[in-house]
């Protein structure tokens, strides 16, 4: 829920990037302090309802805020998103939410995302990179098809620059003929395939059924202590 201490403020769209046919990344001409993983409310042109999205920009990128919005056919925003342009006025409120990195993390950090749930993880991972973190970081990202892998090029580049960062994309359907990565849903077999240890902190983000399934997998099957699991869902 919005905080009474953070009123709506107006800002402009600085850039519009379309990572997929049904998605858009908006960079906004404003900044306020926040923790990586937090969200904002935004009111878009032609839509009077505040919508809530995780920030995909990092606190260290302190000249703008950015969000990525994915729509579904028939959704109220499906007709609005394609019409957004640089210079459009929007209203935002934030920061919101408590989803964030632990202050004193030990061991490895394991991020598990379903679909557009990867957006706050881009913020967290970018922030860790800006801090020159030496912690081992894993990002498991499950999507229907490769086109849904937001920030794929950036994550791939990070793996080449930082041996402590590992990117594991997996698709459940519609993989390209040259797809050489994992396929299927994230499960115990996939995690054990890549992780030599389950020590550390786990972060889950995605649709509610996905997060529920992942949490059960971690606690019931892999015996991860609940105190080592943080989640964000919708």
C-alpha atoms as a PDB file:
ATOM      1  CA  UNK A   1       0.000   0.000   0.000  1.00  0.00           C
ATOM      2  CA  UNK A   2       1.195   3.561  -0.681  1.00  0.00           C
ATOM      3  CA  UNK A   3       2.798   5.427   2.184  1.00  0.00           C
ATOM      4  CA  UNK A   4       1.166   8.624   3.369  1.00  0.00           C
ATOM      5  CA  UNK A   5       4.642  10.138   3.599  1.00  0.00           C
ATOM      6  CA  UNK A   6       5.316   9.668  -0.117  1.00  0.00           C
ATOM      7  CA  UNK A   7       2.718  11.614  -2.134  1.00  0.00           C
ATOM      8  CA  UNK A   8       2.243  11.231  -5.871  1.00  0.00           C
ATOM      9  CA  UNK A   9       4.689  13.266  -7.914  1.00  0.00           C
ATOM     10  CA  UNK A  10       4.738  14.061 -11.612  1.00  0.00           C
ATOM     11  CA  UNK A  11       7.608  13.150 -13.896  1.00  0.00           C
ATOM     12  CA  UNK A  12       8.318  12.487 -17.562  1.00  0.00           C
ATOM     13  CA  UNK A  13       9.210   9.355 -19.448  1.00  0.00           C
ATOM     14  CA  UNK A  14      12.847   9.729 -20.491  1.00  0.00           C
ATOM     15  CA  UNK A  15      13.080   6.619 -22.671  1.00  0.00           C
ATOM     16  CA  UNK A  16      10.915   3.764 -23.899  1.00  0.00           C
ATOM     17  CA  UNK A  17      12.427   0.363 -24.669  1.00  0.00           C
ATOM     18  CA  UNK A  18      10.329  -2.594 -25.783  1.00  0.00           C
ATOM     19  CA  UNK A  19      12.100  -5.833 -24.761  1.00  0.00           C
ATOM     20  CA  UNK A  20       9.183  -7.906 -26.096  1.00  0.00           C
ATOM     21  CA  UNK A  21       5.978  -7.355 -28.042  1.00  0.00           C
ATOM     22  CA  UNK A  22       3.938  -7.304 -24.836  1.00  0.00           C
ATOM     23  CA  UNK A  23       6.394  -5.453 -22.593  1.00  0.00           C
ATOM     24  CA  UNK A  24       7.971  -2.045 -22.144  1.00  0.00           C
ATOM     25  CA  UNK A  25      10.773  -0.658 -19.997  1.00  0.00           C
ATOM     26  CA  UNK A  26      10.233   2.957 -18.954  1.00  0.00           C
ATOM     27  CA  UNK A  27      13.076   5.139 -17.730  1.00  0.00           C
ATOM     28  CA  UNK A  28      11.723   8.078 -15.743  1.00  0.00           C
ATOM     29  CA  UNK A  29      13.241  11.549 -15.329  1.00  0.00           C
ATOM     30  CA  UNK A  30      13.338  11.442 -11.557  1.00  0.00           C
ATOM     31  CA  UNK A  31      15.087   9.699  -8.699  1.00  0.00           C
ATOM     32  CA  UNK A  32      14.574   9.189  -4.987  1.00  0.00           C
ATOM     33  CA  UNK A  33      16.478   6.938  -2.564  1.00  0.00           C
ATOM     34  CA  UNK A  34      15.228   3.358  -2.342  1.00  0.00           C
ATOM     35  CA  UNK A  35      16.415  -0.143  -1.569  1.00  0.00           C
ATOM     36  CA  UNK A  36      17.064  -2.553  -4.412  1.00  0.00           C
ATOM     37  CA  UNK A  37      13.947  -4.724  -4.711  1.00  0.00           C
ATOM     38  CA  UNK A  38      11.430  -2.040  -3.762  1.00  0.00           C
ATOM     39  CA  UNK A  39       8.514  -0.907  -5.927  1.00  0.00           C
ATOM     40  CA  UNK A  40       6.672   2.209  -7.018  1.00  0.00           C
ATOM     41  CA  UNK A  41       3.074   3.032  -7.867  1.00  0.00           C
ATOM     42  CA  UNK A  42       2.587   4.640 -11.266  1.00  0.00           C
ATOM     43  CA  UNK A  43      -0.389   6.273 -12.983  1.00  0.00           C
ATOM     44  CA  UNK A  44       0.003   6.133 -16.760  1.00  0.00           C
ATOM     45  CA  UNK A  45      -1.647   8.394 -19.364  1.00  0.00           C
ATOM     46  CA  UNK A  46      -5.124   7.096 -20.174  1.00  0.00           C
ATOM     47  CA  UNK A  47      -5.316   4.996 -17.011  1.00  0.00           C
ATOM     48  CA  UNK A  48      -6.533   6.501 -13.748  1.00  0.00           C
ATOM     49  CA  UNK A  49      -5.669   3.474 -11.602  1.00  0.00           C
ATOM     50  CA  UNK A  50      -2.305   3.313  -9.780  1.00  0.00           C
ATOM     51  CA  UNK A  51      -0.337   0.231 -10.819  1.00  0.00           C
ATOM     52  CA  UNK A  52       2.482  -1.268  -8.774  1.00  0.00           C
ATOM     53  CA  UNK A  53       5.781  -2.384 -10.282  1.00  0.00           C
ATOM     54  CA  UNK A  54       9.171  -3.339  -8.940  1.00  0.00           C
ATOM     55  CA  UNK A  55      11.971  -0.992  -9.885  1.00  0.00           C
ATOM     56  CA  UNK A  56      14.422  -2.635 -12.271  1.00  0.00           C
ATOM     57  CA  UNK A  57      16.923   0.207 -11.921  1.00  0.00           C
ATOM     58  CA  UNK A  58      19.375   0.087  -9.025  1.00  0.00           C
ATOM     59  CA  UNK A  59      19.882   2.712  -6.303  1.00  0.00           C
ATOM     60  CA  UNK A  60      23.385   3.282  -7.690  1.00  0.00           C
ATOM     61  CA  UNK A  61      21.820   4.398 -11.007  1.00  0.00           C
ATOM     62  CA  UNK A  62      20.843   7.618  -9.293  1.00  0.00           C
ATOM     63  CA  UNK A  63      19.917   9.747 -12.287  1.00  0.00           C
ATOM     64  CA  UNK A  64      16.643   7.953 -13.052  1.00  0.00           C
ATOM     65  CA  UNK A  65      14.103   5.318 -12.008  1.00  0.00           C
ATOM     66  CA  UNK A  66      13.064   2.474 -14.316  1.00  0.00           C
ATOM     67  CA  UNK A  67      10.334  -0.151 -14.412  1.00  0.00           C
ATOM     68  CA  UNK A  68       9.432  -2.929 -16.829  1.00  0.00           C
ATOM     69  CA  UNK A  69       5.753  -3.583 -17.505  1.00  0.00           C
ATOM     70  CA  UNK A  70       4.433  -6.773 -19.105  1.00  0.00           C
ATOM     71  CA  UNK A  71       0.817  -7.000 -20.226  1.00  0.00           C
ATOM     72  CA  UNK A  72      -1.497  -9.827 -21.192  1.00  0.00           C
ATOM     73  CA  UNK A  73      -4.083  -9.787 -24.001  1.00  0.00           C
ATOM     74  CA  UNK A  74      -7.266  -8.172 -22.739  1.00  0.00           C
ATOM     75  CA  UNK A  75      -5.558  -6.444 -19.821  1.00  0.00           C
ATOM     76  CA  UNK A  76      -6.524  -2.822 -19.203  1.00  0.00           C
ATOM     77  CA  UNK A  77      -2.997  -1.688 -20.136  1.00  0.00           C
ATOM     78  CA  UNK A  78      -2.754  -3.719 -23.348  1.00  0.00           C
ATOM     79  CA  UNK A  79      -3.968  -0.757 -25.419  1.00  0.00           C
ATOM     80  CA  UNK A  80      -2.090   1.873 -23.415  1.00  0.00           C
ATOM     81  CA  UNK A  81       1.424   0.448 -23.299  1.00  0.00           C
ATOM     82  CA  UNK A  82       2.031   0.574 -27.107  1.00  0.00           C
ATOM     83  CA  UNK A  83       1.121   4.279 -27.138  1.00  0.00           C
ATOM     84  CA  UNK A  84       3.580   5.445 -24.481  1.00  0.00           C
ATOM     85  CA  UNK A  85       6.218   7.875 -25.739  1.00  0.00           C
ATOM     86  CA  UNK A  86       9.194   9.852 -24.497  1.00  0.00           C
ATOM     87  CA  UNK A  87       7.977  13.042 -22.845  1.00  0.00           C
ATOM     88  CA  UNK A  88       4.677  11.624 -21.627  1.00  0.00           C
ATOM     89  CA  UNK A  89       3.745  12.739 -18.117  1.00  0.00           C
ATOM     90  CA  UNK A  90       3.192  10.087 -15.446  1.00  0.00           C
ATOM     91  CA  UNK A  91       2.608  10.190 -11.724  1.00  0.00           C
ATOM     92  CA  UNK A  92       4.600   8.016  -9.352  1.00  0.00           C
ATOM     93  CA  UNK A  93       4.717   7.242  -5.652  1.00  0.00           C
ATOM     94  CA  UNK A  94       7.325   5.431  -3.627  1.00  0.00           C
ATOM     95  CA  UNK A  95       9.428   3.719  -2.640  1.00  0.00           C
ATOM     96  CA  UNK A  96       7.082   0.945  -1.556  1.00  0.00           C
ATOM     97  CA  UNK A  97       7.492  -2.538  -0.130  1.00  0.00           C
ATOM     98  CA  UNK A  98      10.006  -4.376   2.037  1.00  0.00           C
ATOM     99  CA  UNK A  99      11.470  -6.810  -0.504  1.00  0.00           C
ATOM    100  CA  UNK A 100      15.212  -6.159  -0.341  1.00  0.00           C
ATOM    101  CA  UNK A 101      18.656  -7.632   0.175  1.00  0.00           C
ATOM    102  CA  UNK A 102      19.759  -8.622   3.689  1.00  0.00           C
ATOM    103  CA  UNK A 103      22.023  -6.089   5.332  1.00  0.00           C
ATOM    104  CA  UNK A 104      24.635  -8.678   6.241  1.00  0.00           C
ATOM    105  CA  UNK A 105      24.450 -11.535   3.767  1.00  0.00           C
ATOM    106  CA  UNK A 106      26.709 -14.563   4.018  1.00  0.00           C
ATOM    107  CA  UNK A 107      27.150 -17.483   1.683  1.00  0.00           C
ATOM    108  CA  UNK A 108      25.610 -17.315  -1.761  1.00  0.00           C
ATOM    109  CA  UNK A 109      22.586 -15.399  -2.995  1.00  0.00           C
ATOM    110  CA  UNK A 110      20.155 -17.414  -5.123  1.00  0.00           C
ATOM    111  CA  UNK A 111      17.497 -15.534  -7.088  1.00  0.00           C
ATOM    112  CA  UNK A 112      14.594 -17.519  -8.575  1.00  0.00           C
ATOM    113  CA  UNK A 113      12.277 -15.646 -10.939  1.00  0.00           C
ATOM    114  CA  UNK A 114       9.162 -16.543 -12.865  1.00  0.00           C
ATOM    115  CA  UNK A 115       8.376 -14.375 -15.896  1.00  0.00           C
ATOM    116  CA  UNK A 116       8.526 -10.639 -15.207  1.00  0.00           C
ATOM    117  CA  UNK A 117       9.428 -11.434 -11.600  1.00  0.00           C
ATOM    118  CA  UNK A 118      13.016 -10.942 -12.726  1.00  0.00           C
ATOM    119  CA  UNK A 119      12.659  -7.138 -12.603  1.00  0.00           C
ATOM    120  CA  UNK A 120      13.559  -6.559  -8.916  1.00  0.00           C
ATOM    121  CA  UNK A 121      16.438  -9.014  -9.307  1.00  0.00           C
ATOM    122  CA  UNK A 122      17.961  -6.860 -12.018  1.00  0.00           C
ATOM    123  CA  UNK A 123      17.935  -4.014  -9.467  1.00  0.00           C
ATOM    124  CA  UNK A 124      19.447  -6.161  -6.715  1.00  0.00           C
ATOM    125  CA  UNK A 125      22.137  -7.682  -8.913  1.00  0.00           C
ATOM    126  CA  UNK A 126      23.104  -4.330 -10.400  1.00  0.00           C
ATOM    127  CA  UNK A 127      23.399  -2.882  -6.901  1.00  0.00           C
ATOM    128  CA  UNK A 128      25.576  -5.765  -5.744  1.00  0.00           C
ATOM    129  CA  UNK A 129      27.770  -5.231  -8.778  1.00  0.00           C
ATOM    130  CA  UNK A 130      28.130  -1.523  -7.949  1.00  0.00           C
ATOM    131  CA  UNK A 131      29.280  -2.555  -4.471  1.00  0.00           C
ATOM    132  CA  UNK A 132      31.868  -4.935  -5.955  1.00  0.00           C
ATOM    133  CA  UNK A 133      30.245  -7.752  -4.010  1.00  0.00           C
ATOM    134  CA  UNK A 134      32.297 -10.925  -3.795  1.00  0.00           C
ATOM    135  CA  UNK A 135      29.302 -13.075  -2.894  1.00  0.00           C
ATOM    136  CA  UNK A 136      28.400 -15.840  -5.309  1.00  0.00           C
ATOM    137  CA  UNK A 137      25.155 -14.921  -7.077  1.00  0.00           C
ATOM    138  CA  UNK A 138      22.841 -17.235  -9.001  1.00  0.00           C
ATOM    139  CA  UNK A 139      19.896 -16.126 -11.133  1.00  0.00           C
ATOM    140  CA  UNK A 140      17.410 -18.815 -12.209  1.00  0.00           C
ATOM    141  CA  UNK A 141      14.812 -17.395 -14.603  1.00  0.00           C
ATOM    142  CA  UNK A 142      11.871 -19.442 -15.903  1.00  0.00           C
ATOM    143  CA  UNK A 143       9.794 -18.178 -18.846  1.00  0.00           C
ATOM    144  CA  UNK A 144       7.569 -19.621 -21.549  1.00  0.00           C
ATOM    145  CA  UNK A 145       9.810 -18.666 -24.467  1.00  0.00           C
ATOM    146  CA  UNK A 146      13.200 -16.976 -25.021  1.00  0.00           C
ATOM    147  CA  UNK A 147      11.572 -13.667 -26.010  1.00  0.00           C
ATOM    148  CA  UNK A 148      10.330 -13.365 -22.416  1.00  0.00           C
ATOM    149  CA  UNK A 149      13.855 -13.361 -20.959  1.00  0.00           C
ATOM    150  CA  UNK A 150      14.048  -9.698 -19.974  1.00  0.00           C
ATOM    151  CA  UNK A 151      17.600  -8.349 -19.553  1.00  0.00           C
ATOM    152  CA  UNK A 152      19.014 -11.531 -21.085  1.00  0.00           C
ATOM    153  CA  UNK A 153      21.827  -9.748 -22.940  1.00  0.00           C
ATOM    154  CA  UNK A 154      22.810  -7.810 -19.839  1.00  0.00           C
ATOM    155  CA  UNK A 155      22.804 -10.873 -17.598  1.00  0.00           C
ATOM    156  CA  UNK A 156      24.812 -12.827 -20.155  1.00  0.00           C
ATOM    157  CA  UNK A 157      27.385 -10.031 -20.322  1.00  0.00           C
ATOM    158  CA  UNK A 158      27.662 -10.021 -16.525  1.00  0.00           C
ATOM    159  CA  UNK A 159      28.524 -13.730 -16.501  1.00  0.00           C
ATOM    160  CA  UNK A 160      31.447 -12.978 -18.815  1.00  0.00           C
ATOM    161  CA  UNK A 161      32.724 -10.136 -16.642  1.00  0.00           C
ATOM    162  CA  UNK A 162      32.140 -11.594 -13.169  1.00  0.00           C
ATOM    163  CA  UNK A 163      32.940 -15.241 -12.357  1.00  0.00           C
ATOM    164  CA  UNK A 164      30.854 -14.946  -9.162  1.00  0.00           C
ATOM    165  CA  UNK A 165      27.647 -14.379 -11.140  1.00  0.00           C
ATOM    166  CA  UNK A 166      25.813 -17.315 -12.741  1.00  0.00           C
ATOM    167  CA  UNK A 167      22.801 -16.957 -15.049  1.00  0.00           C
ATOM    168  CA  UNK A 168      20.506 -19.949 -15.614  1.00  0.00           C
ATOM    169  CA  UNK A 169      17.593 -19.243 -17.994  1.00  0.00           C
ATOM    170  CA  UNK A 170      15.060 -21.972 -18.704  1.00  0.00           C
ATOM    171  CA  UNK A 171      12.062 -22.059 -21.040  1.00  0.00           C
ATOM    172  CA  UNK A 172       8.952 -24.168 -20.661  1.00  0.00           C
ATOM    173  CA  UNK A 173       7.790 -24.025 -24.289  1.00  0.00           C
ATOM    174  CA  UNK A 174       8.647 -22.551 -27.673  1.00  0.00           C
ATOM    175  CA  UNK A 175      12.444 -22.681 -27.411  1.00  0.00           C
ATOM    176  CA  UNK A 176      14.418 -21.746 -30.521  1.00  0.00           C
ATOM    177  CA  UNK A 177      16.062 -24.450 -32.588  1.00  0.00           C
ATOM    178  CA  UNK A 178      19.472 -23.263 -31.369  1.00  0.00           C
ATOM    179  CA  UNK A 179      18.434 -23.062 -27.690  1.00  0.00           C
ATOM    180  CA  UNK A 180      21.256 -24.647 -25.690  1.00  0.00           C
ATOM    181  CA  UNK A 181      20.188 -23.828 -22.147  1.00  0.00           C
ATOM    182  CA  UNK A 182      17.837 -25.563 -19.732  1.00  0.00           C
ATOM    183  CA  UNK A 183      14.213 -26.345 -20.460  1.00  0.00           C
ATOM    184  CA  UNK A 184      11.207 -26.972 -18.243  1.00  0.00           C
ATOM    185  CA  UNK A 185      10.069 -25.575 -14.924  1.00  0.00           C
ATOM    186  CA  UNK A 186      12.464 -24.826 -12.111  1.00  0.00           C
ATOM    187  CA  UNK A 187      12.559 -27.775  -9.734  1.00  0.00           C
ATOM    188  CA  UNK A 188      14.829 -29.617  -7.375  1.00  0.00           C
ATOM    189  CA  UNK A 189      16.621 -31.416 -10.184  1.00  0.00           C
ATOM    190  CA  UNK A 190      17.468 -28.169 -11.983  1.00  0.00           C
ATOM    191  CA  UNK A 191      18.686 -26.461  -8.813  1.00  0.00           C
ATOM    192  CA  UNK A 192      20.840 -29.431  -7.798  1.00  0.00           C
ATOM    193  CA  UNK A 193      22.256 -29.593 -11.318  1.00  0.00           C
ATOM    194  CA  UNK A 194      23.785 -26.145 -10.937  1.00  0.00           C
ATOM    195  CA  UNK A 195      24.194 -25.576  -7.200  1.00  0.00           C
ATOM    196  CA  UNK A 196      26.932 -27.455  -5.398  1.00  0.00           C
ATOM    197  CA  UNK A 197      25.652 -26.086  -2.079  1.00  0.00           C
ATOM    198  CA  UNK A 198      22.268 -24.897  -0.821  1.00  0.00           C
ATOM    199  CA  UNK A 199      23.731 -22.626   1.833  1.00  0.00           C
ATOM    200  CA  UNK A 200      22.826 -18.965   1.530  1.00  0.00           C
ATOM    201  CA  UNK A 201      19.795 -16.765   0.949  1.00  0.00           C
ATOM    202  CA  UNK A 202      17.007 -17.487  -1.550  1.00  0.00           C
ATOM    203  CA  UNK A 203      14.877 -14.801  -3.200  1.00  0.00           C
ATOM    204  CA  UNK A 204      11.623 -15.663  -4.994  1.00  0.00           C
ATOM    205  CA  UNK A 205       9.607 -13.403  -7.268  1.00  0.00           C
ATOM    206  CA  UNK A 206       6.824 -14.014  -9.755  1.00  0.00           C
ATOM    207  CA  UNK A 207       3.137 -14.892  -9.956  1.00  0.00           C
ATOM    208  CA  UNK A 208       1.610 -16.157  -6.712  1.00  0.00           C
ATOM    209  CA  UNK A 209       1.334 -19.846  -7.825  1.00  0.00           C
ATOM    210  CA  UNK A 210       4.972 -19.821  -8.944  1.00  0.00           C
ATOM    211  CA  UNK A 211       6.223 -18.349  -5.672  1.00  0.00           C
ATOM    212  CA  UNK A 212       4.089 -20.773  -3.648  1.00  0.00           C
ATOM    213  CA  UNK A 213       5.485 -23.753  -5.560  1.00  0.00           C
ATOM    214  CA  UNK A 214       9.060 -22.530  -5.205  1.00  0.00           C
ATOM    215  CA  UNK A 215       8.667 -21.929  -1.486  1.00  0.00           C
ATOM    216  CA  UNK A 216       7.302 -25.445  -0.964  1.00  0.00           C
ATOM    217  CA  UNK A 217      10.162 -26.849  -3.013  1.00  0.00           C
ATOM    218  CA  UNK A 218      12.726 -25.021  -0.898  1.00  0.00           C
ATOM    219  CA  UNK A 219      11.236 -25.726   2.524  1.00  0.00           C
ATOM    220  CA  UNK A 220       9.726 -29.205   2.081  1.00  0.00           C
ATOM    221  CA  UNK A 221      12.016 -30.836  -0.471  1.00  0.00           C
ATOM    222  CA  UNK A 222      15.348 -29.041  -0.127  1.00  0.00           C
ATOM    223  CA  UNK A 223      14.940 -28.317   3.602  1.00  0.00           C
ATOM    224  CA  UNK A 224      15.878 -24.636   3.367  1.00  0.00           C
ATOM    225  CA  UNK A 225      15.120 -22.763   6.588  1.00  0.00           C
ATOM    226  CA  UNK A 226      12.284 -20.233   6.088  1.00  0.00           C
ATOM    227  CA  UNK A 227      14.473 -17.480   7.552  1.00  0.00           C
ATOM    228  CA  UNK A 228      16.693 -17.826   4.489  1.00  0.00           C
ATOM    229  CA  UNK A 229      13.849 -17.214   2.025  1.00  0.00           C
ATOM    230  CA  UNK A 230      12.495 -13.828   0.911  1.00  0.00           C
ATOM    231  CA  UNK A 231       9.610 -13.459  -1.514  1.00  0.00           C
ATOM    232  CA  UNK A 232       7.604 -11.040  -3.637  1.00  0.00           C
ATOM    233  CA  UNK A 233       4.471 -12.106  -5.514  1.00  0.00           C
ATOM    234  CA  UNK A 234       1.365 -10.805  -7.246  1.00  0.00           C
END
